[in-house]
């Protein structure tokens, strides 16, 4: 697929680790309600590559706020931490596919300690037990990777991404559908 002004990560035939890195700042300190949102066009599934593929994250070793990623079962996962070390992880219900643009969103409710997963504007899973706040760490925001972990870094592989959004509010189902 031709790239139409989206971010292109590791196009076929390249072996480099490509990602966007933004240093920690006050505008990236999301500690309460939040919504993580992006469009992704997958060229390779995690089940094929054998490694998780990160959409975007604010996480390094023992400095975890959140990570939105595709695991090796090809589902979307959200990892959250209130203390920077221990994390809670939840997943959506439907495996992702390749060759199509997919709108991914997760609405996190700090007060209720839960999150809703959305695929293409529709609810697609629930994280019923989540922390009641997010760790205000110093990890950078990384799009297409999470690096600096004890384990090997997890990069996007043959993926296009567009309209990456980190909201410091929980977006409603109607607002998420409007972005789809």
C-alpha atoms as a PDB file:
ATOM      1  CA  UNK A   1       0.000   0.000   0.000  1.00  0.00           C
ATOM      2  CA  UNK A   2       1.236   3.463  -0.815  1.00  0.00           C
ATOM      3  CA  UNK A   3       1.938   5.630   2.204  1.00  0.00           C
ATOM      4  CA  UNK A   4      -0.481   8.548   2.411  1.00  0.00           C
ATOM      5  CA  UNK A   5       1.268  10.838   4.919  1.00  0.00           C
ATOM      6  CA  UNK A   6       1.200   8.306   7.747  1.00  0.00           C
ATOM      7  CA  UNK A   7       4.237   7.196   9.753  1.00  0.00           C
ATOM      8  CA  UNK A   8       5.873   4.169   8.123  1.00  0.00           C
ATOM      9  CA  UNK A   9       7.687   1.730  10.399  1.00  0.00           C
ATOM     10  CA  UNK A  10      10.189  -0.800   9.017  1.00  0.00           C
ATOM     11  CA  UNK A  11       8.949  -1.165   5.445  1.00  0.00           C
ATOM     12  CA  UNK A  12       9.436  -4.588   3.845  1.00  0.00           C
ATOM     13  CA  UNK A  13      13.078  -5.242   3.094  1.00  0.00           C
ATOM     14  CA  UNK A  14      14.493  -3.033   5.860  1.00  0.00           C
ATOM     15  CA  UNK A  15      16.049  -4.259   9.062  1.00  0.00           C
ATOM     16  CA  UNK A  16      16.313  -0.989  10.966  1.00  0.00           C
ATOM     17  CA  UNK A  17      14.333  -0.160  14.072  1.00  0.00           C
ATOM     18  CA  UNK A  18      12.257   2.911  13.274  1.00  0.00           C
ATOM     19  CA  UNK A  19      10.155   4.746  15.843  1.00  0.00           C
ATOM     20  CA  UNK A  20       9.198   8.199  17.107  1.00  0.00           C
ATOM     21  CA  UNK A  21      10.594   9.330  20.459  1.00  0.00           C
ATOM     22  CA  UNK A  22       9.299  12.333  22.458  1.00  0.00           C
ATOM     23  CA  UNK A  23      11.002  13.246  25.715  1.00  0.00           C
ATOM     24  CA  UNK A  24       8.858  13.291  28.848  1.00  0.00           C
ATOM     25  CA  UNK A  25       7.101  16.598  29.455  1.00  0.00           C
ATOM     26  CA  UNK A  26       4.236  17.974  31.543  1.00  0.00           C
ATOM     27  CA  UNK A  27       1.867  17.617  28.573  1.00  0.00           C
ATOM     28  CA  UNK A  28       2.562  13.845  28.560  1.00  0.00           C
ATOM     29  CA  UNK A  29       1.825  13.399  32.276  1.00  0.00           C
ATOM     30  CA  UNK A  30      -1.492  11.592  32.164  1.00  0.00           C
ATOM     31  CA  UNK A  31      -2.276  10.217  35.632  1.00  0.00           C
ATOM     32  CA  UNK A  32      -6.080   9.967  35.649  1.00  0.00           C
ATOM     33  CA  UNK A  33      -8.696   9.279  32.999  1.00  0.00           C
ATOM     34  CA  UNK A  34      -7.212   8.794  29.540  1.00  0.00           C
ATOM     35  CA  UNK A  35      -7.930   7.671  26.002  1.00  0.00           C
ATOM     36  CA  UNK A  36      -5.301   6.135  23.730  1.00  0.00           C
ATOM     37  CA  UNK A  37      -6.158   6.158  20.054  1.00  0.00           C
ATOM     38  CA  UNK A  38      -4.551   5.517  16.665  1.00  0.00           C
ATOM     39  CA  UNK A  39      -5.055   4.197  13.165  1.00  0.00           C
ATOM     40  CA  UNK A  40      -2.830   1.237  12.222  1.00  0.00           C
ATOM     41  CA  UNK A  41      -2.214  -0.581   8.960  1.00  0.00           C
ATOM     42  CA  UNK A  42      -0.413  -3.841   9.713  1.00  0.00           C
ATOM     43  CA  UNK A  43       1.865  -5.431   7.166  1.00  0.00           C
ATOM     44  CA  UNK A  44       2.892  -8.258   9.499  1.00  0.00           C
ATOM     45  CA  UNK A  45       1.011  -9.832  12.379  1.00  0.00           C
ATOM     46  CA  UNK A  46       2.769 -10.460  15.685  1.00  0.00           C
ATOM     47  CA  UNK A  47       1.932 -14.168  15.371  1.00  0.00           C
ATOM     48  CA  UNK A  48       4.043 -14.212  12.186  1.00  0.00           C
ATOM     49  CA  UNK A  49       6.917 -12.058  13.420  1.00  0.00           C
ATOM     50  CA  UNK A  50       6.993 -13.812  16.827  1.00  0.00           C
ATOM     51  CA  UNK A  51       7.262 -10.554  18.784  1.00  0.00           C
ATOM     52  CA  UNK A  52       4.904  -7.995  20.260  1.00  0.00           C
ATOM     53  CA  UNK A  53       4.443  -4.869  18.148  1.00  0.00           C
ATOM     54  CA  UNK A  54       4.024  -1.617  20.042  1.00  0.00           C
ATOM     55  CA  UNK A  55       1.625   1.037  18.777  1.00  0.00           C
ATOM     56  CA  UNK A  56       2.695   3.589  21.382  1.00  0.00           C
ATOM     57  CA  UNK A  57       3.937   3.601  24.947  1.00  0.00           C
ATOM     58  CA  UNK A  58       5.231   5.586  27.865  1.00  0.00           C
ATOM     59  CA  UNK A  59       7.334   2.850  29.402  1.00  0.00           C
ATOM     60  CA  UNK A  60      10.896   1.837  30.186  1.00  0.00           C
ATOM     61  CA  UNK A  61      12.161  -0.708  32.723  1.00  0.00           C
ATOM     62  CA  UNK A  62      10.497   0.018  36.116  1.00  0.00           C
ATOM     63  CA  UNK A  63       9.037   3.236  34.679  1.00  0.00           C
ATOM     64  CA  UNK A  64       5.683   2.046  33.308  1.00  0.00           C
ATOM     65  CA  UNK A  65       2.747   4.355  32.684  1.00  0.00           C
ATOM     66  CA  UNK A  66       1.078   2.629  29.717  1.00  0.00           C
ATOM     67  CA  UNK A  67       1.738   0.590  26.586  1.00  0.00           C
ATOM     68  CA  UNK A  68      -0.716  -0.125  23.749  1.00  0.00           C
ATOM     69  CA  UNK A  69       0.484  -3.055  21.650  1.00  0.00           C
ATOM     70  CA  UNK A  70      -0.352  -6.099  19.554  1.00  0.00           C
ATOM     71  CA  UNK A  71       0.706  -9.369  21.169  1.00  0.00           C
ATOM     72  CA  UNK A  72       1.665 -12.633  19.499  1.00  0.00           C
ATOM     73  CA  UNK A  73      -1.996 -13.740  19.561  1.00  0.00           C
ATOM     74  CA  UNK A  74      -2.730 -10.732  17.254  1.00  0.00           C
ATOM     75  CA  UNK A  75      -5.006  -9.002  19.776  1.00  0.00           C
ATOM     76  CA  UNK A  76      -4.649  -5.439  21.072  1.00  0.00           C
ATOM     77  CA  UNK A  77      -3.324  -5.211  24.628  1.00  0.00           C
ATOM     78  CA  UNK A  78      -3.167  -2.363  27.115  1.00  0.00           C
ATOM     79  CA  UNK A  79      -0.629  -2.391  29.939  1.00  0.00           C
ATOM     80  CA  UNK A  80      -1.123   0.111  32.819  1.00  0.00           C
ATOM     81  CA  UNK A  81       0.743   0.845  36.047  1.00  0.00           C
ATOM     82  CA  UNK A  82       0.019   3.014  39.076  1.00  0.00           C
ATOM     83  CA  UNK A  83       3.472   2.617  40.664  1.00  0.00           C
ATOM     84  CA  UNK A  84       5.799   2.316  37.653  1.00  0.00           C
ATOM     85  CA  UNK A  85       6.766  -1.301  38.363  1.00  0.00           C
ATOM     86  CA  UNK A  86       3.746  -3.606  38.672  1.00  0.00           C
ATOM     87  CA  UNK A  87       1.418  -3.544  35.666  1.00  0.00           C
ATOM     88  CA  UNK A  88      -2.105  -4.667  34.851  1.00  0.00           C
ATOM     89  CA  UNK A  89      -2.737  -5.915  31.317  1.00  0.00           C
ATOM     90  CA  UNK A  90      -5.982  -6.388  29.413  1.00  0.00           C
ATOM     91  CA  UNK A  91      -6.923  -7.295  25.854  1.00  0.00           C
ATOM     92  CA  UNK A  92      -9.623  -6.802  23.254  1.00  0.00           C
ATOM     93  CA  UNK A  93     -11.813  -9.601  21.841  1.00  0.00           C
ATOM     94  CA  UNK A  94     -11.034  -9.657  18.097  1.00  0.00           C
ATOM     95  CA  UNK A  95      -7.687 -10.456  16.491  1.00  0.00           C
ATOM     96  CA  UNK A  96      -6.299  -7.835  14.103  1.00  0.00           C
ATOM     97  CA  UNK A  97      -5.747  -8.505  10.412  1.00  0.00           C
ATOM     98  CA  UNK A  98      -3.287  -7.287   7.824  1.00  0.00           C
ATOM     99  CA  UNK A  99      -3.786  -5.160   4.753  1.00  0.00           C
ATOM    100  CA  UNK A 100      -6.518  -2.898   6.166  1.00  0.00           C
ATOM    101  CA  UNK A 101      -6.565   0.289   8.214  1.00  0.00           C
ATOM    102  CA  UNK A 102      -7.901  -0.355  11.732  1.00  0.00           C
ATOM    103  CA  UNK A 103      -8.981   2.322  14.205  1.00  0.00           C
ATOM    104  CA  UNK A 104      -7.835   1.331  17.710  1.00  0.00           C
ATOM    105  CA  UNK A 105      -8.899   3.123  20.877  1.00  0.00           C
ATOM    106  CA  UNK A 106      -8.903   2.392  24.595  1.00  0.00           C
ATOM    107  CA  UNK A 107     -10.868   4.519  27.053  1.00  0.00           C
ATOM    108  CA  UNK A 108      -9.417   4.285  30.581  1.00  0.00           C
ATOM    109  CA  UNK A 109     -11.612   5.170  33.580  1.00  0.00           C
ATOM    110  CA  UNK A 110      -9.360   5.915  36.555  1.00  0.00           C
ATOM    111  CA  UNK A 111     -12.225   6.382  39.032  1.00  0.00           C
ATOM    112  CA  UNK A 112     -13.767   3.008  38.241  1.00  0.00           C
ATOM    113  CA  UNK A 113     -10.454   1.245  37.590  1.00  0.00           C
ATOM    114  CA  UNK A 114     -11.507  -0.091  34.192  1.00  0.00           C
ATOM    115  CA  UNK A 115     -10.969   0.349  30.461  1.00  0.00           C
ATOM    116  CA  UNK A 116     -12.958  -0.252  27.273  1.00  0.00           C
ATOM    117  CA  UNK A 117     -11.309  -1.387  24.048  1.00  0.00           C
ATOM    118  CA  UNK A 118     -12.681  -0.155  20.705  1.00  0.00           C
ATOM    119  CA  UNK A 119     -11.967  -1.430  17.200  1.00  0.00           C
ATOM    120  CA  UNK A 120     -13.299   0.601  14.296  1.00  0.00           C
ATOM    121  CA  UNK A 121     -15.577   2.619  16.563  1.00  0.00           C
ATOM    122  CA  UNK A 122     -17.259  -0.322  18.329  1.00  0.00           C
ATOM    123  CA  UNK A 123     -16.630  -1.666  21.851  1.00  0.00           C
ATOM    124  CA  UNK A 124     -14.433  -4.743  21.547  1.00  0.00           C
ATOM    125  CA  UNK A 125     -13.380  -5.754  25.046  1.00  0.00           C
ATOM    126  CA  UNK A 126     -13.142  -4.676  28.675  1.00  0.00           C
ATOM    127  CA  UNK A 127     -10.404  -4.475  31.264  1.00  0.00           C
ATOM    128  CA  UNK A 128     -12.495  -4.804  34.424  1.00  0.00           C
ATOM    129  CA  UNK A 129      -9.695  -4.422  36.978  1.00  0.00           C
ATOM    130  CA  UNK A 130      -7.297  -1.575  36.253  1.00  0.00           C
ATOM    131  CA  UNK A 131      -5.361   0.772  38.537  1.00  0.00           C
ATOM    132  CA  UNK A 132      -7.192   3.854  39.870  1.00  0.00           C
ATOM    133  CA  UNK A 133      -4.380   6.144  38.708  1.00  0.00           C
ATOM    134  CA  UNK A 134      -1.473   6.081  36.274  1.00  0.00           C
ATOM    135  CA  UNK A 135       2.172   6.431  37.242  1.00  0.00           C
ATOM    136  CA  UNK A 136       3.582   9.876  36.455  1.00  0.00           C
ATOM    137  CA  UNK A 137       6.927   8.556  35.290  1.00  0.00           C
ATOM    138  CA  UNK A 138       9.743  10.040  33.280  1.00  0.00           C
ATOM    139  CA  UNK A 139       9.679   7.550  30.399  1.00  0.00           C
ATOM    140  CA  UNK A 140       9.527   9.094  26.935  1.00  0.00           C
ATOM    141  CA  UNK A 141       6.494   8.714  24.714  1.00  0.00           C
ATOM    142  CA  UNK A 142       7.438   6.305  21.931  1.00  0.00           C
ATOM    143  CA  UNK A 143       5.358   5.618  18.844  1.00  0.00           C
ATOM    144  CA  UNK A 144       6.126   2.345  17.077  1.00  0.00           C
ATOM    145  CA  UNK A 145       8.348   1.003  19.872  1.00  0.00           C
ATOM    146  CA  UNK A 146       8.971   0.496  23.516  1.00  0.00           C
ATOM    147  CA  UNK A 147      12.698   0.428  24.169  1.00  0.00           C
ATOM    148  CA  UNK A 148      14.957   0.513  27.162  1.00  0.00           C
ATOM    149  CA  UNK A 149      13.382  -2.570  28.714  1.00  0.00           C
ATOM    150  CA  UNK A 150      15.212  -5.458  30.314  1.00  0.00           C
ATOM    151  CA  UNK A 151      13.773  -7.668  27.579  1.00  0.00           C
ATOM    152  CA  UNK A 152      14.448  -6.872  23.911  1.00  0.00           C
ATOM    153  CA  UNK A 153      12.719  -3.775  22.575  1.00  0.00           C
ATOM    154  CA  UNK A 154       9.396  -4.283  20.822  1.00  0.00           C
ATOM    155  CA  UNK A 155       9.178  -2.449  17.509  1.00  0.00           C
ATOM    156  CA  UNK A 156       6.441  -2.070  14.941  1.00  0.00           C
ATOM    157  CA  UNK A 157       7.167  -4.292  11.930  1.00  0.00           C
ATOM    158  CA  UNK A 158       5.918  -3.235   8.495  1.00  0.00           C
ATOM    159  CA  UNK A 159       3.256  -0.997   9.977  1.00  0.00           C
ATOM    160  CA  UNK A 160       1.769   2.345   9.023  1.00  0.00           C
ATOM    161  CA  UNK A 161       0.312   4.538  11.770  1.00  0.00           C
ATOM    162  CA  UNK A 162      -1.701   7.710  11.645  1.00  0.00           C
ATOM    163  CA  UNK A 163      -3.587  10.061  13.968  1.00  0.00           C
ATOM    164  CA  UNK A 164      -1.938   8.871  17.191  1.00  0.00           C
ATOM    165  CA  UNK A 165      -3.752  10.538  20.083  1.00  0.00           C
ATOM    166  CA  UNK A 166      -3.242  10.554  23.836  1.00  0.00           C
ATOM    167  CA  UNK A 167      -6.136  12.269  25.603  1.00  0.00           C
ATOM    168  CA  UNK A 168      -6.119  13.192  29.304  1.00  0.00           C
ATOM    169  CA  UNK A 169      -9.877  12.513  29.440  1.00  0.00           C
ATOM    170  CA  UNK A 170     -11.984   9.433  28.857  1.00  0.00           C
ATOM    171  CA  UNK A 171     -13.567   9.923  25.444  1.00  0.00           C
ATOM    172  CA  UNK A 172     -17.167   8.784  25.084  1.00  0.00           C
ATOM    173  CA  UNK A 173     -18.252   6.037  22.709  1.00  0.00           C
ATOM    174  CA  UNK A 174     -19.767   8.740  20.472  1.00  0.00           C
ATOM    175  CA  UNK A 175     -16.529  10.734  20.393  1.00  0.00           C
ATOM    176  CA  UNK A 176     -14.501   7.628  19.556  1.00  0.00           C
ATOM    177  CA  UNK A 177     -16.975   6.675  16.842  1.00  0.00           C
ATOM    178  CA  UNK A 178     -16.703  10.210  15.407  1.00  0.00           C
ATOM    179  CA  UNK A 179     -12.922   9.758  15.093  1.00  0.00           C
ATOM    180  CA  UNK A 180     -13.503   6.486  13.262  1.00  0.00           C
END
